[in-house]
Amino acid sequence: MKNIAKFQSLIALFILCVLISFLSDKFLTVNNGWNVLRQISVNIVISVGMTLVVLTAGIDLSVGSILAISGAVTAGLLKNGIAIPSLNLFIGFSLLGAILAGLIVGSLSGFFSGFTITRFKIPPFVATLAMLTIARGLTMLYTEGFPISELGENFAFFGTGWLLGIPVPVWISGLVILVAVLMTQKTRLGRYIYAIGGNENAARLSGININQVKIFVYSVAGMLAAVGGILVTSRLDSAQPNAGISYELDAIAAVVIGGTSLSGGRGTIMGTVLGAVIIGVLNNGLVLLDVSPFWQQVVKGLVILVAVIIDKQNSKQD
């Protein structure tokens, strides 16, 4: 049974693919395959950051809003720069400069959540819920409620371009996966992350700086949410004020389905990637089958519930 449990996500993906392929002849096509990979790239990037947070027994509900504010800042600086009329000053931004600014905004947002959690001992759920509201409000203020569009072909390359026959977002998500796998499996920091989630008191007694590690993982989660925001903005050629709504739910779903325990200390990056693929295939299948978007939400909610129940059962067996 334990051997079967290790491959339960892979088995679920196989069954899902077989079922959808029987119901829709459009599913097993090359174009649809690339479409699924391009769509899940954003969720993979966000979910990797969420995995690091959950491994420390935390949660981050703000990634969708951080995605929105980071994408908006990147688009705004790229198109409009910064104008200070009182000083007769205008600061323009190159493509690289605007992207770096967006990444910094995401990192600082995550840092703020991590600092609040560690400094004031606020539960991660509450701190990141507050950050969700703050970031969404700042997005509305920055954009004044209107999309920022016409960002240029060079910027569009990140979301819609191809490199060596593979979509650029897939390359970016692959790079994020590689770095995260190496960090969690081959570095001391990775061992610290697992140790904190496994037993925080024991980790503290062994000399691990709990606060620094937690601030780091929330900052990384924020930065990766910003990467997701840049990809979404690039793909749409527009920074939408309401971008990223409910993205945190898909990320949490991918993490849980991939076998990472919500109580921390157990899980892998590759498991999360598999979970994101399952969510992506499920979304794609429901769209191909012309299922109502409202029913799609119901189905995803049930999938998350079942995954959490399985996680709890596995925890009891351990």
Protein backbone atom coordinates (compact mmCIF):
# COMPACT_ATOMS: atom_id res chain seq x y z
CA MET A 1 0.00 0.00 0.00
CA LYS A 2 2.85 2.42 0.79
CA ASN A 3 4.35 1.81 -2.65
CA ILE A 4 1.00 2.59 -4.25
CA ALA A 5 0.66 5.74 -2.13
CA LYS A 6 3.97 7.01 -3.49
CA PHE A 7 2.60 6.90 -7.03
CA GLN A 8 -0.99 7.95 -6.29
CA SER A 9 -0.61 11.34 -8.04
CA LEU A 10 0.90 9.72 -11.13
CA ILE A 11 -1.86 7.11 -11.21
CA ALA A 12 -4.49 9.85 -10.84
CA LEU A 13 -2.95 11.79 -13.75
CA PHE A 14 -2.92 8.69 -15.97
CA ILE A 15 -6.56 7.88 -15.22
CA LEU A 16 -7.56 11.52 -15.79
CA CYS A 17 -5.79 11.65 -19.16
CA VAL A 18 -7.36 8.37 -20.31
CA LEU A 19 -10.83 9.50 -19.23
CA ILE A 20 -10.62 12.91 -20.94
CA SER A 21 -9.14 11.41 -24.13
CA PHE A 22 -12.18 9.13 -24.40
CA LEU A 23 -14.56 12.04 -23.90
CA SER A 24 -12.82 14.53 -26.21
CA ASP A 25 -10.89 13.88 -29.42
CA LYS A 26 -9.17 17.27 -29.08
CA PHE A 27 -7.32 16.37 -25.89
CA LEU A 28 -4.52 14.18 -27.28
CA THR A 29 -3.28 16.66 -29.89
CA VAL A 30 0.08 18.40 -30.13
CA ASN A 31 -1.45 21.88 -30.08
CA ASN A 32 -3.52 21.12 -27.00
CA GLY A 33 -0.47 19.60 -25.29
CA TRP A 34 1.55 22.79 -25.78
CA ASN A 35 -1.46 24.82 -24.71
CA VAL A 36 -1.71 22.89 -21.43
CA LEU A 37 2.03 23.25 -20.77
CA ARG A 38 1.92 26.99 -21.46
CA GLN A 39 -1.10 27.43 -19.17
CA ILE A 40 0.33 25.44 -16.26
CA SER A 41 3.69 27.21 -16.40
CA VAL A 42 2.36 30.10 -14.30
CA ASN A 43 0.81 27.80 -11.71
CA ILE A 44 4.02 25.74 -11.53
CA VAL A 45 6.11 28.83 -10.82
CA ILE A 46 3.73 30.02 -8.09
CA SER A 47 3.29 26.52 -6.66
CA VAL A 48 7.04 26.02 -6.27
CA GLY A 49 7.15 29.07 -4.00
CA MET A 50 4.05 27.85 -2.17
CA THR A 51 5.73 24.48 -1.62
CA LEU A 52 8.68 26.09 0.16
CA VAL A 53 6.27 27.96 2.43
CA VAL A 54 4.12 24.89 3.17
CA LEU A 55 7.21 22.79 3.93
CA THR A 56 7.84 25.15 6.86
CA ALA A 57 4.24 24.49 8.02
CA GLY A 58 3.11 27.89 6.69
CA ILE A 59 0.68 29.08 4.02
CA ASP A 60 0.61 32.05 1.65
CA LEU A 61 -2.78 33.35 0.55
CA SER A 62 -1.35 36.52 -1.00
CA VAL A 63 0.39 35.12 -4.11
CA GLY A 64 -2.51 35.99 -6.45
CA SER A 65 -2.54 39.62 -5.35
CA ILE A 66 1.27 39.83 -5.42
CA LEU A 67 1.09 38.50 -8.98
CA ALA A 68 -1.27 41.35 -9.84
CA ILE A 69 0.73 44.19 -8.27
CA SER A 70 4.04 42.91 -9.67
CA GLY A 71 2.60 42.59 -13.18
CA ALA A 72 1.04 46.04 -12.93
CA VAL A 73 4.28 47.69 -11.75
CA THR A 74 6.27 45.98 -14.50
CA ALA A 75 3.79 47.09 -17.17
CA GLY A 76 3.41 50.60 -15.77
CA LEU A 77 7.14 51.28 -15.56
CA LEU A 78 7.77 49.77 -18.98
CA LYS A 79 5.10 51.88 -20.67
CA ASN A 80 4.97 55.07 -18.62
CA GLY A 81 8.12 55.17 -16.48
CA ILE A 82 8.08 57.47 -13.45
CA ALA A 83 7.16 61.12 -13.90
CA ILE A 84 7.72 63.73 -11.17
CA PRO A 85 6.28 67.01 -12.57
CA SER A 86 7.24 69.10 -9.53
CA LEU A 87 10.91 68.33 -10.18
CA ASN A 88 10.52 68.32 -13.97
CA LEU A 89 11.89 64.79 -13.85
CA PHE A 90 11.09 61.68 -15.88
CA ILE A 91 12.65 58.26 -15.29
CA GLY A 92 12.30 55.78 -18.12
CA PHE A 93 12.72 52.02 -17.73
CA SER A 94 14.21 49.48 -20.09
CA LEU A 95 12.63 46.04 -20.46
CA LEU A 96 15.12 44.51 -18.04
CA GLY A 97 14.72 47.38 -15.57
CA ALA A 98 10.92 47.08 -15.53
CA ILE A 99 11.10 43.30 -15.01
CA LEU A 100 13.62 43.68 -12.17
CA ALA A 101 11.35 46.26 -10.55
CA GLY A 102 8.42 43.84 -10.71
CA LEU A 103 10.51 41.07 -9.15
CA ILE A 104 11.63 43.41 -6.37
CA VAL A 105 8.02 44.37 -5.63
CA GLY A 106 7.10 40.70 -5.35
CA SER A 107 10.07 39.89 -3.14
CA LEU A 108 9.39 42.82 -0.83
CA SER A 109 5.73 41.82 -0.53
CA GLY A 110 6.75 38.31 0.49
CA PHE A 111 9.39 39.73 2.83
CA PHE A 112 6.71 41.86 4.51
CA SER A 113 4.57 38.77 5.14
CA GLY A 114 7.53 36.78 6.46
CA PHE A 115 8.67 39.61 8.71
CA THR A 116 5.15 40.10 10.11
CA ILE A 117 4.81 36.38 10.82
CA THR A 118 8.18 36.04 12.56
CA ARG A 119 8.39 39.41 14.32
CA PHE A 120 4.86 39.62 15.69
CA LYS A 121 4.09 35.86 15.84
CA ILE A 122 1.00 36.30 13.67
CA PRO A 123 -0.39 33.09 12.12
CA PRO A 124 0.63 32.82 8.44
CA PHE A 125 -3.03 32.53 7.42
CA VAL A 126 -3.85 35.93 8.94
CA ALA A 127 -0.66 37.72 7.85
CA THR A 128 -0.90 36.61 4.23
CA LEU A 129 -4.64 37.26 4.13
CA ALA A 130 -3.81 40.84 5.13
CA MET A 131 -1.12 41.00 2.45
CA LEU A 132 -3.66 39.71 -0.08
CA THR A 133 -5.92 42.68 0.66
CA ILE A 134 -3.08 45.21 0.79
CA ALA A 135 -1.55 44.10 -2.51
CA ARG A 136 -4.92 44.02 -4.26
CA GLY A 137 -5.70 47.53 -3.00
CA LEU A 138 -2.30 48.82 -4.13
CA THR A 139 -2.90 47.27 -7.56
CA MET A 140 -6.19 49.14 -7.89
CA LEU A 141 -4.55 52.37 -6.75
CA TYR A 142 -1.60 51.99 -9.13
CA THR A 143 -3.71 51.13 -12.16
CA GLU A 144 -6.68 53.33 -11.15
CA GLY A 145 -8.85 50.36 -12.01
CA PHE A 146 -7.86 50.30 -15.70
CA PRO A 147 -5.65 47.80 -17.56
CA ILE A 148 -2.19 48.83 -18.77
CA SER A 149 -1.87 47.56 -22.35
CA GLU A 150 0.24 47.74 -25.53
CA LEU A 151 3.52 46.75 -23.91
CA GLY A 152 5.48 45.86 -27.03
CA GLU A 153 6.65 42.75 -28.87
CA ASN A 154 9.83 42.30 -26.84
CA PHE A 155 7.88 42.02 -23.61
CA ALA A 156 5.29 39.75 -25.25
CA PHE A 157 8.08 37.26 -26.04
CA PHE A 158 8.20 36.11 -22.41
CA GLY A 159 4.57 34.99 -22.43
CA THR A 160 3.94 34.03 -26.05
CA GLY A 161 7.34 33.40 -27.64
CA TRP A 162 9.00 30.12 -28.59
CA LEU A 163 12.63 29.07 -28.09
CA LEU A 164 14.03 25.95 -29.76
CA GLY A 165 10.52 24.73 -30.47
CA ILE A 166 9.34 25.09 -26.87
CA PRO A 167 7.20 27.93 -25.42
CA VAL A 168 9.27 30.42 -23.40
CA PRO A 169 7.03 30.11 -20.28
CA VAL A 170 7.83 26.37 -20.24
CA TRP A 171 11.56 27.17 -20.28
CA ILE A 172 11.12 29.65 -17.42
CA SER A 173 9.08 27.23 -15.29
CA GLY A 174 11.63 24.49 -16.02
CA LEU A 175 14.46 26.73 -14.77
CA VAL A 176 12.51 27.54 -11.60
CA ILE A 177 11.91 23.82 -10.99
CA LEU A 178 15.60 22.99 -11.49
CA VAL A 179 16.80 25.66 -9.06
CA ALA A 180 14.18 24.72 -6.45
CA VAL A 181 14.96 20.99 -6.66
CA LEU A 182 18.69 21.63 -6.25
CA MET A 183 18.07 23.99 -3.33
CA THR A 184 15.74 21.65 -1.42
CA GLN A 185 17.71 18.46 -2.04
CA LYS A 186 21.35 19.53 -2.25
CA THR A 187 21.80 22.50 0.11
CA ARG A 188 21.90 23.13 3.84
CA LEU A 189 19.09 25.65 3.45
CA GLY A 190 16.88 22.93 1.99
CA ARG A 191 17.52 20.72 5.01
CA TYR A 192 16.69 23.64 7.30
CA ILE A 193 13.34 24.16 5.53
CA TYR A 194 12.37 20.51 6.05
CA ALA A 195 13.63 20.56 9.64
CA ILE A 196 11.50 23.59 10.55
CA GLY A 197 8.38 22.00 9.11
CA GLY A 198 9.10 18.67 10.76
CA ASN A 199 9.70 20.02 14.26
CA GLU A 200 10.26 23.74 14.75
CA ASN A 201 11.32 23.48 18.40
CA ALA A 202 13.90 20.81 17.61
CA ALA A 203 15.16 22.88 14.70
CA ARG A 204 15.56 25.92 16.96
CA LEU A 205 17.44 23.89 19.57
CA SER A 206 19.78 22.59 16.89
CA GLY A 207 20.84 26.16 16.08
CA ILE A 208 18.76 26.91 12.98
CA ASN A 209 17.74 30.56 12.65
CA ILE A 210 14.00 29.95 12.23
CA ASN A 211 13.08 33.56 11.49
CA GLN A 212 15.65 34.01 8.73
CA VAL A 213 14.60 30.84 6.94
CA LYS A 214 10.90 31.70 7.15
CA ILE A 215 11.47 35.25 5.87
CA PHE A 216 13.53 33.80 3.04
CA VAL A 217 10.86 31.32 1.88
CA TYR A 218 8.10 33.94 1.97
CA SER A 219 10.33 36.34 0.01
CA VAL A 220 11.01 33.64 -2.58
CA ALA A 221 7.28 32.84 -2.78
CA GLY A 222 6.61 36.54 -3.42
CA MET A 223 9.33 36.74 -6.08
CA LEU A 224 7.99 33.66 -7.87
CA ALA A 225 4.48 35.14 -7.74
CA ALA A 226 6.00 38.17 -9.46
CA VAL A 227 7.49 35.90 -12.14
CA GLY A 228 3.99 34.51 -12.63
CA GLY A 229 2.64 38.05 -12.86
CA ILE A 230 5.17 38.98 -15.54
CA LEU A 231 4.29 35.86 -17.55
CA VAL A 232 0.54 36.53 -17.32
CA THR A 233 0.95 40.21 -18.20
CA SER A 234 3.22 39.35 -21.12
CA ARG A 235 0.83 36.70 -22.47
CA LEU A 236 -2.17 39.06 -22.32
CA ASP A 237 -0.16 42.12 -23.39
CA SER A 238 -2.02 43.81 -20.56
CA ALA A 239 -1.76 44.22 -16.78
CA GLN A 240 -5.26 43.66 -15.44
CA PRO A 241 -6.21 45.10 -12.01
CA ASN A 242 -8.08 41.87 -11.17
CA ALA A 243 -5.32 39.52 -12.36
CA GLY A 244 -4.44 36.55 -10.19
CA ILE A 245 -7.77 36.17 -8.41
CA SER A 246 -8.02 32.63 -6.96
CA TYR A 247 -4.53 31.72 -8.24
CA GLU A 248 -3.53 30.95 -4.66
CA LEU A 249 -6.19 28.21 -4.60
CA ASP A 250 -4.73 26.51 -7.67
CA ALA A 251 -1.26 26.75 -6.13
CA ILE A 252 -2.38 25.25 -2.83
CA ALA A 253 -4.24 22.54 -4.74
CA ALA A 254 -1.10 21.66 -6.72
CA VAL A 255 0.97 21.49 -3.52
CA VAL A 256 -1.50 19.26 -1.67
CA ILE A 257 -2.26 17.00 -4.63
CA GLY A 258 1.48 16.65 -5.16
CA GLY A 259 1.84 15.11 -1.71
CA THR A 260 3.22 17.98 0.35
CA SER A 261 1.79 17.85 3.86
CA LEU A 262 0.01 20.98 5.08
CA SER A 263 1.51 20.31 8.52
CA GLY A 264 4.98 20.79 6.99
CA GLY A 265 8.19 18.80 6.77
CA ARG A 266 7.11 16.37 4.05
CA GLY A 267 6.86 16.83 0.28
CA THR A 268 8.88 17.45 -2.87
CA ILE A 269 9.09 20.05 -5.62
CA MET A 270 8.55 17.40 -8.30
CA GLY A 271 5.44 16.22 -6.48
CA THR A 272 4.08 19.76 -6.68
CA VAL A 273 4.90 19.93 -10.39
CA LEU A 274 2.90 16.74 -10.89
CA GLY A 275 0.06 18.26 -8.87
CA ALA A 276 0.13 21.37 -11.08
CA VAL A 277 -0.01 19.17 -14.18
CA ILE A 278 -3.07 17.36 -12.76
CA ILE A 279 -4.80 20.68 -12.06
CA GLY A 280 -3.90 21.93 -15.55
CA VAL A 281 -5.13 18.78 -17.28
CA LEU A 282 -8.33 18.89 -15.20
CA ASN A 283 -8.96 22.55 -16.14
CA ASN A 284 -8.21 21.86 -19.80
CA GLY A 285 -10.44 18.77 -19.87
CA LEU A 286 -13.36 20.60 -18.29
CA VAL A 287 -13.04 23.40 -20.86
CA LEU A 288 -12.84 20.94 -23.77
CA LEU A 289 -15.94 19.19 -22.43
CA ASP A 290 -17.71 22.56 -22.26
CA VAL A 291 -18.38 22.24 -18.54
CA SER A 292 -19.75 25.38 -16.90
CA PRO A 293 -17.07 27.51 -15.15
CA PHE A 294 -19.19 27.31 -11.99
CA TRP A 295 -19.07 23.52 -12.03
CA GLN A 296 -15.33 23.73 -12.67
CA GLN A 297 -14.94 25.50 -9.33
CA VAL A 298 -17.01 22.80 -7.63
CA VAL A 299 -14.90 20.02 -9.13
CA LYS A 300 -11.60 21.68 -8.16
CA GLY A 301 -12.87 22.23 -4.63
CA LEU A 302 -13.77 18.56 -4.31
CA VAL A 303 -10.36 17.54 -5.66
CA ILE A 304 -8.63 19.70 -3.03
CA LEU A 305 -10.82 18.22 -0.29
CA VAL A 306 -10.06 14.65 -1.35
CA ALA A 307 -6.32 15.42 -1.53
CA VAL A 308 -6.32 16.85 2.01
CA ILE A 309 -8.23 13.82 3.32
CA ILE A 310 -5.67 11.49 1.70
CA ASP A 311 -2.85 13.59 3.19
CA LYS A 312 -4.36 13.25 6.67
CA GLN A 313 -4.76 9.49 6.25
CA ASN A 314 -1.15 9.15 5.13
CA SER A 315 -0.01 11.19 8.14
CA LYS A 316 -1.82 8.83 10.49
CA GLN A 317 -0.19 5.81 8.86
CA ASP A 318 3.25 7.38 9.28
